[in-house]
Amino acid sequence: MARQITIDPVTRIEGHAKITIQLDDAGVVQDAKFHITQFRGFEKLCEGRPFHEMPSLMARICGICPVSHLVASAKACDAIMAVQIPKTAASLRRVINLAQLIQSHALSFFYLSAPDLLLGMDADPAGRNIFGLMQSHPEIARDGIRLRQFGQQVIELLGGKRIHPAWVVPGGVSEPLSAEKRLTIVGMIPDALAIVERTLPLFKRVFERFPDEVRTFANFPSLLMGLVDDQGGIEHYDGHLRIVDAEGNVIEGAVPSDQYQEYIGETVEPWSYLKSAYYLPRGYPDGLYRVGPLARLNVATSVDTPKAGHEWAEFRQLEPGAVLSSFHYHYARLIEILYALERIGQLLDEPDILSTRVRAHAEPNNLEGIGVAEAPRGTLLHHYKIDENGLIVWANLIIATGHNNLAMNRGVFQVARHFVDGERLQEGMLNRVEAVIRAYDPCLSCSTHALGKMPLRIQLVAPDGAVLDEMVRGANDA
């Protein structure tokens, strides 16, 4: 008899999801799907709000990457105001966005994925976590905490608090950087660099133990997308979109962010609240592409900091053409942390970084604005339309996890097909199915904005816990 395996919840990710694996009579995997089971409708919640509130409101989407939402939202508001923000403000936005990339990548690598990499995919799940890592590899766990602390402290120094800072605003930033804070951040960089420099060789030794995972963790031909600068170098704040194919050939070399709708489509499947983005010229689902650190290192023609540039060159030698195995997202995160630390040092060394001219003021001059930036997990897009009073009438958000949705689903099927044997089921098999999702480090609270057709239950609960009212949609309305 055909059977179904359900992994619920998927562990060590941000948000709520499950995976279903369909087996035939012989226990062979026939299909697998990654279901996002939570729903948050931020695109509708912001309608009717003044456009200048959007950065602070959008930051509440996520507690892991609020800064990226601040930046992309503020850039969309800049476009509505039709202003060019001061150069110093742009540099400061870059610093805080890179600081968030560091803390988020550190969380993903050290807290969520390192237990698999260092303790083993088949280790006892009771100890295959950050606490088990603290016991077996205390120095590595300590390094992960300290590296994440660096990013959070930089965010706090610039934005006033570590989570949901309101410092990035339409037109720039709300206040300049002080000389004292600049010195504090600069003084923290050497220790953070030392951590990632000793982690990189450790990881290179570790990933040699996972040949099957490298070969099967969402390792298939696909497009890759990310921002690049005018010279094709790696970019996280501005620039234009570039799309390359599996051989590394440039398919779209310089897509202006305000023309994204000509290249990116979105659809909703009935089994998930997560939208699926795809490359329009190839259609759905053939237009599958990937974003994030793996994609950014593939689409860039250079990484212009010394240490990270050297590591990037070594990374690009892993495979001919594009580096396609999603197992290498882990490696790419470490390289990006190294780049971010070096780049923050460069930005803080700019002669006008302490300038007090950090904000442009204007009323709405356009009824529409689009902002694009690179979040830790990939390309983040905010698109707003306003009325004559400056109130939001429509919003669309394309989150990194949505860009990666098709690839994650194909990845869980590939891994399940290779590792899962329904006749001799073992926990380590299922952990590998989860681990391919952890390679992407999805942020599900960020990305679940489409209603879809999944069963939905809404309850009105009194203070004593009594259910006062309930609405149910789907699943036979039971």
Protein backbone atom coordinates (compact mmCIF):
# COMPACT_ATOMS: atom_id res chain seq x y z
CA MET A 1 0.00 0.00 0.00
CA ALA A 2 1.23 3.51 -0.85
CA ARG A 3 2.32 5.45 2.23
CA GLN A 4 3.17 8.99 3.28
CA ILE A 5 5.93 10.12 5.64
CA THR A 6 5.37 13.48 7.29
CA ILE A 7 8.19 15.46 8.92
CA ASP A 8 6.38 17.98 11.10
CA PRO A 9 7.81 20.33 12.14
CA VAL A 10 10.98 20.87 10.10
CA THR A 11 13.54 21.66 12.80
CA ARG A 12 16.32 24.23 13.08
CA ILE A 13 14.77 26.71 10.66
CA GLU A 14 13.06 30.07 11.22
CA GLY A 15 9.30 29.56 11.08
CA HIS A 16 6.88 26.66 10.76
CA ALA A 17 6.87 24.08 7.97
CA LYS A 18 6.48 20.39 7.26
CA ILE A 19 7.70 17.97 4.59
CA THR A 20 5.62 15.16 3.11
CA ILE A 21 7.22 12.21 1.31
CA GLN A 22 5.09 9.92 -0.86
CA LEU A 23 6.15 6.26 -1.09
CA ASP A 24 4.93 3.57 -3.47
CA ASP A 25 4.06 0.00 -2.51
CA ALA A 26 7.75 -0.96 -2.43
CA GLY A 27 8.70 1.95 -0.17
CA VAL A 28 10.35 3.94 -2.98
CA VAL A 29 9.98 7.73 -2.91
CA GLN A 30 7.68 9.00 -5.64
CA ASP A 31 7.28 12.62 -4.57
CA ALA A 32 8.18 15.04 -1.78
CA LYS A 33 6.97 18.53 -0.94
CA PHE A 34 7.99 21.36 1.39
CA HIS A 35 4.84 22.85 2.93
CA ILE A 36 4.79 26.26 4.61
CA THR A 37 1.98 26.05 7.14
CA GLN A 38 1.96 29.54 8.63
CA PHE A 39 0.28 32.59 7.14
CA ARG A 40 1.10 36.29 7.68
CA GLY A 41 -0.49 38.84 5.37
CA PHE A 42 1.81 41.85 5.61
CA GLU A 43 1.04 42.95 2.07
CA LYS A 44 -2.57 43.55 3.10
CA LEU A 45 -1.81 44.82 6.61
CA CYS A 46 0.09 47.84 5.28
CA GLU A 47 -2.69 49.09 3.02
CA GLY A 48 -3.99 52.46 4.17
CA ARG A 49 -0.83 53.34 6.08
CA PRO A 50 1.28 56.43 5.24
CA PHE A 51 4.15 55.41 2.97
CA HIS A 52 6.79 56.89 5.31
CA GLU A 53 5.78 54.37 7.99
CA MET A 54 6.64 51.46 5.76
CA PRO A 55 10.29 50.85 6.76
CA SER A 56 9.48 50.56 10.46
CA LEU A 57 6.34 48.53 9.75
CA MET A 58 8.07 46.17 7.32
CA ALA A 59 10.92 45.55 9.76
CA ARG A 60 8.37 43.81 11.99
CA ILE A 61 8.01 41.06 9.42
CA CYS A 62 11.09 39.34 10.81
CA GLY A 63 13.23 39.37 13.93
CA ILE A 64 16.18 37.73 12.15
CA CYS A 65 16.57 40.05 9.16
CA PRO A 66 14.64 43.25 10.01
CA VAL A 67 17.43 45.45 8.66
CA SER A 68 17.09 44.09 5.14
CA HIS A 69 13.39 44.92 5.20
CA LEU A 70 14.24 48.37 6.51
CA VAL A 71 16.69 48.92 3.66
CA ALA A 72 14.53 47.58 0.82
CA SER A 73 11.48 49.41 2.14
CA ALA A 74 13.37 52.69 2.59
CA LYS A 75 14.72 52.39 -0.96
CA ALA A 76 11.16 51.98 -2.27
CA CYS A 77 10.19 55.11 -0.30
CA ASP A 78 13.22 56.97 -1.73
CA ALA A 79 11.80 56.17 -5.17
CA ILE A 80 8.36 57.46 -4.19
CA MET A 81 9.95 60.72 -3.00
CA ALA A 82 12.21 60.76 -6.12
CA VAL A 83 15.28 61.70 -4.07
CA GLN A 84 18.94 60.79 -4.24
CA ILE A 85 20.02 60.14 -0.69
CA PRO A 86 23.34 61.53 0.63
CA LYS A 87 26.40 59.40 -0.11
CA THR A 88 27.18 58.98 3.59
CA ALA A 89 23.66 57.74 4.24
CA ALA A 90 24.06 55.09 1.54
CA SER A 91 27.37 53.96 3.07
CA LEU A 92 25.83 53.74 6.53
CA ARG A 93 22.91 51.73 5.16
CA ARG A 94 25.46 49.37 3.63
CA VAL A 95 27.24 48.95 6.97
CA ILE A 96 24.13 48.05 8.92
CA ASN A 97 22.91 45.69 6.19
CA LEU A 98 26.27 43.88 6.15
CA ALA A 99 26.23 43.68 9.96
CA GLN A 100 22.89 41.93 9.76
CA LEU A 101 24.25 39.56 7.12
CA ILE A 102 27.05 38.61 9.53
CA GLN A 103 24.78 37.87 12.47
CA SER A 104 22.26 35.98 10.34
CA HIS A 105 24.87 33.88 8.54
CA ALA A 106 26.51 33.12 11.89
CA LEU A 107 23.17 31.96 13.26
CA SER A 108 22.58 29.71 10.26
CA PHE A 109 26.05 28.18 10.12
CA PHE A 110 26.99 27.78 13.80
CA TYR A 111 23.60 27.30 15.48
CA LEU A 112 21.43 25.56 12.88
CA SER A 113 23.73 23.62 10.52
CA ALA A 114 26.99 23.03 12.42
CA PRO A 115 25.38 20.27 14.57
CA ASP A 116 24.84 18.25 11.37
CA LEU A 117 28.27 19.06 9.99
CA LEU A 118 30.31 18.45 13.14
CA LEU A 119 28.25 15.86 15.02
CA GLY A 120 27.04 13.99 11.95
CA MET A 121 23.76 13.64 10.07
CA ASP A 122 23.12 10.34 11.85
CA ALA A 123 23.98 11.54 15.37
CA ASP A 124 21.47 11.14 18.19
CA PRO A 125 18.90 13.93 17.62
CA ALA A 126 18.75 14.54 21.38
CA GLY A 127 22.27 15.97 21.20
CA ARG A 128 22.39 17.10 17.58
CA ASN A 129 21.81 20.75 18.38
CA ILE A 130 23.62 23.84 19.63
CA PHE A 131 23.73 22.44 23.17
CA GLY A 132 25.37 19.24 21.99
CA LEU A 133 27.81 21.36 20.00
CA MET A 134 28.66 23.33 23.15
CA GLN A 135 29.67 20.09 24.86
CA SER A 136 31.62 18.52 22.00
CA HIS A 137 33.09 21.64 20.33
CA PRO A 138 32.89 24.45 22.92
CA GLU A 139 35.37 26.68 21.11
CA ILE A 140 33.34 26.55 17.88
CA ALA A 141 30.07 27.21 19.68
CA ARG A 142 31.73 30.13 21.45
CA ASP A 143 32.99 31.51 18.15
CA GLY A 144 29.50 31.35 16.68
CA ILE A 145 28.06 33.28 19.61
CA ARG A 146 30.79 35.92 19.41
CA LEU A 147 30.46 36.35 15.65
CA ARG A 148 26.71 36.79 15.87
CA GLN A 149 27.25 39.19 18.75
CA PHE A 150 29.47 41.34 16.52
CA GLY A 151 26.69 41.82 13.97
CA GLN A 152 24.10 42.56 16.61
CA GLN A 153 26.32 45.07 18.39
CA VAL A 154 26.98 46.97 15.15
CA ILE A 155 23.24 47.11 14.48
CA GLU A 156 22.66 48.40 18.01
CA LEU A 157 25.41 51.00 17.77
CA LEU A 158 24.04 52.37 14.51
CA GLY A 159 20.32 51.80 14.89
CA GLY A 160 19.79 52.14 18.64
CA LYS A 161 18.62 48.56 19.23
CA ARG A 162 19.47 45.09 17.98
CA ILE A 163 16.02 44.09 16.72
CA HIS A 164 13.68 46.29 14.69
CA PRO A 165 15.79 49.46 14.68
CA ALA A 166 14.06 52.46 13.06
CA TRP A 167 17.27 54.23 12.05
CA VAL A 168 16.97 53.54 8.30
CA VAL A 169 14.30 55.96 7.07
CA PRO A 170 12.96 57.29 3.76
CA GLY A 171 15.63 59.61 2.39
CA GLY A 172 18.59 58.12 4.26
CA VAL A 173 19.18 57.46 7.96
CA SER A 174 17.87 59.31 10.98
CA GLU A 175 21.18 60.36 12.55
CA PRO A 176 24.88 60.39 11.62
CA LEU A 177 27.60 58.08 12.90
CA SER A 178 29.65 59.44 15.78
CA ALA A 179 33.44 59.22 15.90
CA GLU A 180 33.21 57.21 19.12
CA LYS A 181 30.90 54.59 17.64
CA ARG A 182 33.04 54.37 14.53
CA LEU A 183 36.11 53.58 16.64
CA THR A 184 34.18 50.99 18.62
CA ILE A 185 33.09 49.13 15.49
CA VAL A 186 36.53 49.32 13.88
CA GLY A 187 38.08 47.94 17.07
CA MET A 188 35.77 44.90 16.98
CA ILE A 189 36.60 43.84 13.43
CA PRO A 190 39.96 42.04 14.00
CA ASP A 191 38.53 39.53 16.49
CA ALA A 192 35.57 38.81 14.21
CA LEU A 193 37.90 38.31 11.24
CA ALA A 194 39.99 35.87 13.26
CA ILE A 195 36.90 33.77 14.00
CA VAL A 196 35.85 33.35 10.38
CA GLU A 197 39.45 32.82 9.23
CA ARG A 198 39.85 29.85 11.57
CA THR A 199 36.37 28.50 10.75
CA LEU A 200 36.93 28.36 6.98
CA PRO A 201 39.71 25.72 7.04
CA LEU A 202 37.72 23.72 9.59
CA PHE A 203 34.71 23.66 7.28
CA LYS A 204 36.83 22.66 4.28
CA ARG A 205 38.03 19.63 6.20
CA VAL A 206 34.51 18.79 7.33
CA PHE A 207 32.72 18.97 4.02
CA GLU A 208 35.07 16.36 2.55
CA ARG A 209 33.21 13.88 4.79
CA PHE A 210 29.91 14.53 2.99
CA PRO A 211 30.37 13.46 -0.66
CA ASP A 212 26.84 12.02 -0.94
CA GLU A 213 25.31 15.17 0.50
CA VAL A 214 27.35 17.43 -1.78
CA ARG A 215 26.19 15.36 -4.74
CA THR A 216 22.48 15.27 -3.81
CA PHE A 217 21.61 18.36 -1.74
CA ALA A 218 19.58 20.23 -4.37
CA ASN A 219 22.37 19.68 -6.88
CA PHE A 220 20.81 20.23 -10.29
CA PRO A 221 21.04 22.71 -13.18
CA SER A 222 19.21 25.95 -12.44
CA LEU A 223 19.40 29.66 -12.98
CA LEU A 224 20.95 31.86 -10.27
CA MET A 225 20.14 35.50 -9.52
CA GLY A 226 21.65 38.30 -7.46
CA LEU A 227 22.66 41.95 -7.44
CA VAL A 228 25.94 43.05 -8.99
CA ASP A 229 27.58 46.46 -9.27
CA ASP A 230 28.35 48.28 -12.53
CA GLN A 231 31.53 46.23 -12.98
CA GLY A 232 29.80 42.93 -12.22
CA GLY A 233 31.23 42.68 -8.70
CA ILE A 234 29.38 41.33 -5.68
CA GLU A 235 26.77 43.76 -4.35
CA HIS A 236 24.35 43.72 -1.42
CA TYR A 237 22.78 47.19 -1.39
CA ASP A 238 22.41 48.64 -4.89
CA GLY A 239 23.26 47.82 -8.49
CA HIS A 240 21.22 45.72 -10.91
CA LEU A 241 19.99 42.15 -11.13
CA ARG A 242 22.01 39.55 -13.00
CA ILE A 243 20.82 36.05 -13.93
CA VAL A 244 23.23 33.30 -14.99
CA ASP A 245 22.60 29.73 -16.11
CA ALA A 246 24.07 26.46 -14.84
CA GLU A 247 27.19 26.90 -16.98
CA GLY A 248 27.76 30.38 -15.62
CA ASN A 249 26.64 32.12 -18.81
CA VAL A 250 24.95 35.47 -18.29
CA ILE A 251 21.28 35.26 -19.30
CA GLU A 252 20.26 38.72 -18.08
CA GLY A 253 23.19 41.01 -17.37
CA ALA A 254 21.73 44.26 -16.11
CA VAL A 255 18.07 44.15 -15.11
CA PRO A 256 16.99 47.47 -13.54
CA SER A 257 15.22 46.73 -10.27
CA ASP A 258 12.21 48.82 -11.29
CA GLN A 259 11.65 46.47 -14.24
CA TYR A 260 11.57 43.25 -12.23
CA GLN A 261 8.01 42.43 -13.34
CA GLU A 262 9.25 41.85 -16.89
CA TYR A 263 11.51 39.05 -15.66
CA ILE A 264 10.06 37.59 -12.45
CA GLY A 265 6.67 35.91 -12.14
CA GLU A 266 4.92 34.53 -9.05
CA THR A 267 2.44 31.75 -8.49
CA VAL A 268 0.77 30.03 -5.53
CA GLU A 269 0.38 26.29 -5.05
CA PRO A 270 -2.57 24.89 -3.05
CA TRP A 271 -0.28 23.04 -0.63
CA SER A 272 1.74 26.00 0.71
CA TYR A 273 1.33 29.59 1.89
CA LEU A 274 4.69 30.45 0.32
CA LYS A 275 4.65 32.04 -3.13
CA SER A 276 6.91 30.56 -5.81
CA ALA A 277 8.86 32.98 -7.97
CA TYR A 278 10.17 32.02 -11.41
CA TYR A 279 11.99 33.51 -14.40
CA LEU A 280 9.17 34.64 -16.69
CA PRO A 281 10.80 33.95 -20.09
CA ARG A 282 11.09 30.24 -19.21
CA GLY A 283 7.69 29.96 -17.56
CA TYR A 284 6.53 27.99 -14.53
CA PRO A 285 8.10 25.76 -13.25
CA ASP A 286 10.93 25.66 -15.81
CA GLY A 287 12.03 29.15 -14.76
CA LEU A 288 13.35 27.83 -11.42
CA TYR A 289 16.23 29.89 -10.06
CA ARG A 290 18.14 30.28 -6.80
CA VAL A 291 19.18 33.32 -4.79
CA GLY A 292 21.27 33.89 -1.66
CA PRO A 293 24.97 33.54 -0.86
CA LEU A 294 25.50 30.63 -3.27
CA ALA A 295 23.87 32.57 -6.10
CA ARG A 296 25.65 35.84 -5.27
CA LEU A 297 29.07 34.18 -5.45
CA ASN A 298 28.07 32.62 -8.78
CA VAL A 299 26.70 35.72 -10.51
CA ALA A 300 29.55 38.03 -9.42
CA THR A 301 32.63 38.39 -11.61
CA SER A 302 34.70 39.67 -8.69
CA VAL A 303 34.79 40.04 -4.91
CA ASP A 304 36.78 43.18 -4.24
CA THR A 305 38.19 42.61 -0.75
CA PRO A 306 41.53 40.79 -0.32
CA LYS A 307 40.70 37.87 1.96
CA ALA A 308 37.20 37.19 0.66
CA GLY A 309 38.37 37.64 -2.91
CA HIS A 310 40.91 34.86 -2.43
CA GLU A 311 38.29 32.55 -0.90
CA TRP A 312 35.80 33.38 -3.68
CA ALA A 313 38.35 32.38 -6.33
CA GLU A 314 38.84 29.04 -4.54
CA PHE A 315 35.07 28.58 -4.23
CA ARG A 316 34.59 29.05 -7.97
CA GLN A 317 36.97 26.13 -8.59
CA LEU A 318 34.64 23.66 -6.87
CA GLU A 319 32.72 22.93 -10.07
CA PRO A 320 33.05 23.83 -13.74
CA GLY A 321 30.61 26.57 -14.67
CA ALA A 322 28.36 27.57 -11.80
CA VAL A 323 28.68 25.95 -8.35
CA LEU A 324 25.32 24.17 -8.19
CA SER A 325 25.22 21.97 -5.08
CA SER A 326 23.15 23.68 -2.41
CA PHE A 327 25.36 22.01 0.20
CA HIS A 328 27.83 24.78 -0.70
CA TYR A 329 25.49 27.44 0.71
CA HIS A 330 27.35 26.81 3.98
CA TYR A 331 30.73 27.60 2.40
CA ALA A 332 29.28 30.64 0.64
CA ARG A 333 27.99 32.04 3.96
CA LEU A 334 31.44 31.92 5.51
CA ILE A 335 32.94 33.70 2.50
CA GLU A 336 30.25 36.37 2.69
CA ILE A 337 30.90 36.90 6.40
CA LEU A 338 34.57 37.44 5.58
CA TYR A 339 33.62 39.86 2.80
CA ALA A 340 31.18 41.76 5.02
CA LEU A 341 33.78 42.27 7.75
CA GLU A 342 36.35 43.55 5.27
CA ARG A 343 33.80 45.74 3.50
CA ILE A 344 32.56 47.29 6.76
CA GLY A 345 36.17 48.26 7.50
CA GLN A 346 36.47 49.87 4.06
CA LEU A 347 33.21 51.80 4.46
CA LEU A 348 34.13 53.09 7.91
CA ASP A 349 37.41 54.32 6.47
CA GLU A 350 35.69 56.58 3.93
CA PRO A 351 36.61 60.24 4.54
CA ASP A 352 32.99 61.44 4.74
CA ILE A 353 31.59 58.58 6.83
CA LEU A 354 31.08 60.96 9.81
CA SER A 355 29.27 63.59 7.72
CA THR A 356 26.14 65.00 9.31
CA ARG A 357 24.34 65.16 5.95
CA VAL A 358 22.56 61.83 6.10
CA ARG A 359 18.96 62.45 5.04
CA ALA A 360 17.06 63.97 2.12
CA HIS A 361 13.56 65.31 2.81
CA ALA A 362 10.74 65.42 0.27
CA GLU A 363 7.04 64.84 -0.22
CA PRO A 364 5.80 62.11 -2.55
CA ASN A 365 6.69 62.87 -6.14
CA ASN A 366 5.83 59.44 -7.59
CA LEU A 367 2.85 57.22 -6.93
CA GLU A 368 4.96 54.07 -7.09
CA GLY A 369 8.32 52.93 -5.73
CA ILE A 370 10.44 49.78 -5.87
CA GLY A 371 13.32 48.92 -3.55
CA VAL A 372 15.69 45.97 -3.96
CA ALA A 373 18.51 44.86 -1.66
CA GLU A 374 20.28 41.62 -0.83
CA ALA A 375 19.10 40.09 2.44
CA PRO A 376 21.16 37.30 4.05
CA ARG A 377 19.01 34.67 2.34
CA GLY A 378 18.89 36.38 -1.04
CA THR A 379 17.31 39.11 -3.12
CA LEU A 380 14.59 41.08 -1.32
CA LEU A 381 12.09 43.19 -3.25
CA HIS A 382 9.56 45.73 -1.94
CA HIS A 383 7.09 47.34 -4.36
CA TYR A 384 4.58 49.97 -3.19
CA LYS A 385 1.83 52.05 -4.77
CA ILE A 386 0.31 55.07 -3.02
CA ASP A 387 -2.62 57.43 -3.54
CA GLU A 388 -2.47 61.22 -3.78
CA ASN A 389 -2.46 61.45 0.02
CA GLY A 390 0.64 59.27 0.36
CA LEU A 391 -1.28 56.24 1.67
CA ILE A 392 -0.36 52.72 0.59
CA VAL A 393 -2.98 51.25 -1.75
CA TRP A 394 -1.04 48.18 -2.89
CA ALA A 395 2.13 46.36 -1.92
CA ASN A 396 4.03 43.35 -3.21
CA LEU A 397 6.92 41.69 -1.45
CA ILE A 398 9.13 39.03 -3.03
CA ILE A 399 11.24 37.49 -0.30
CA ALA A 400 14.40 35.44 -0.75
CA THR A 401 12.72 32.28 0.48
CA GLY A 402 10.01 32.71 -2.16
CA HIS A 403 12.65 32.99 -4.88
CA ASN A 404 14.09 29.69 -3.61
CA ASN A 405 10.80 27.85 -3.13
CA LEU A 406 10.89 25.85 -6.37
CA ALA A 407 14.52 24.88 -5.74
CA MET A 408 13.82 23.80 -2.15
CA ASN A 409 10.95 21.59 -3.28
CA ARG A 410 13.04 19.97 -6.00
CA GLY A 411 15.81 19.57 -3.42
CA VAL A 412 13.71 17.69 -0.86
CA PHE A 413 12.57 15.32 -3.59
CA GLN A 414 16.14 14.74 -4.78
CA VAL A 415 17.40 14.05 -1.23
CA ALA A 416 14.42 11.90 -0.28
CA ARG A 417 14.77 9.87 -3.47
CA HIS A 418 18.44 9.23 -2.76
CA PHE A 419 18.44 8.61 0.99
CA VAL A 420 14.96 7.50 2.13
CA ASP A 421 14.13 3.81 2.07
CA GLY A 422 10.57 3.28 3.22
CA GLU A 423 11.27 -0.38 4.03
CA ARG A 424 14.23 0.38 6.35
CA LEU A 425 13.44 3.84 7.60
CA GLN A 426 16.04 5.54 9.83
CA GLU A 427 16.06 8.93 11.52
CA GLY A 428 19.24 10.03 9.76
CA MET A 429 17.52 9.64 6.39
CA LEU A 430 14.82 12.09 7.38
CA ASN A 431 17.33 14.45 8.95
CA ARG A 432 19.04 14.75 5.58
CA VAL A 433 15.73 15.75 4.02
CA GLU A 434 15.45 18.50 6.62
CA ALA A 435 19.12 19.42 6.20
CA VAL A 436 18.71 20.32 2.54
CA ILE A 437 16.14 22.91 3.64
CA ARG A 438 18.53 24.18 6.33
CA ALA A 439 21.13 24.72 3.59
CA TYR A 440 18.85 27.44 2.21
CA ASP A 441 18.23 28.87 5.70
CA PRO A 442 14.62 29.79 4.86
CA CYS A 443 12.90 32.61 6.72
CA LEU A 444 9.26 31.61 6.71
CA SER A 445 7.69 34.40 8.74
CA CYS A 446 9.19 36.80 6.19
CA SER A 447 7.89 35.05 3.16
CA THR A 448 4.36 33.80 3.84
CA HIS A 449 2.19 36.53 2.42
CA ALA A 450 0.10 34.72 -0.23
CA LEU A 451 -3.22 33.28 0.86
CA GLY A 452 -3.10 30.13 -1.25
CA LYS A 453 -5.65 27.39 -0.72
CA MET A 454 -4.37 25.51 2.32
CA PRO A 455 -6.76 24.85 5.19
CA LEU A 456 -7.01 27.91 7.42
CA ARG A 457 -8.44 28.10 10.94
CA ILE A 458 -8.97 31.41 12.76
CA GLN A 459 -10.08 31.47 16.40
CA LEU A 460 -11.18 34.28 18.69
CA VAL A 461 -10.03 33.27 22.17
CA ALA A 462 -11.11 34.84 25.47
CA PRO A 463 -8.61 35.62 28.29
CA ASP A 464 -9.61 32.39 30.04
CA GLY A 465 -8.85 30.34 26.90
CA ALA A 466 -12.44 29.79 25.82
CA VAL A 467 -12.99 29.84 22.05
CA LEU A 468 -15.57 32.57 21.39
CA ASP A 469 -15.71 32.25 17.61
CA GLU A 470 -14.06 30.24 14.88
CA MET A 471 -13.79 30.30 11.11
CA VAL A 472 -12.48 27.35 9.11
CA ARG A 473 -11.66 27.20 5.42
CA GLY A 474 -10.60 24.08 3.55
CA ALA A 475 -10.11 20.47 4.65
CA ASN A 476 -13.87 19.94 4.13
CA ASP A 477 -14.43 22.89 6.48
CA ALA A 478 -14.23 20.49 9.39
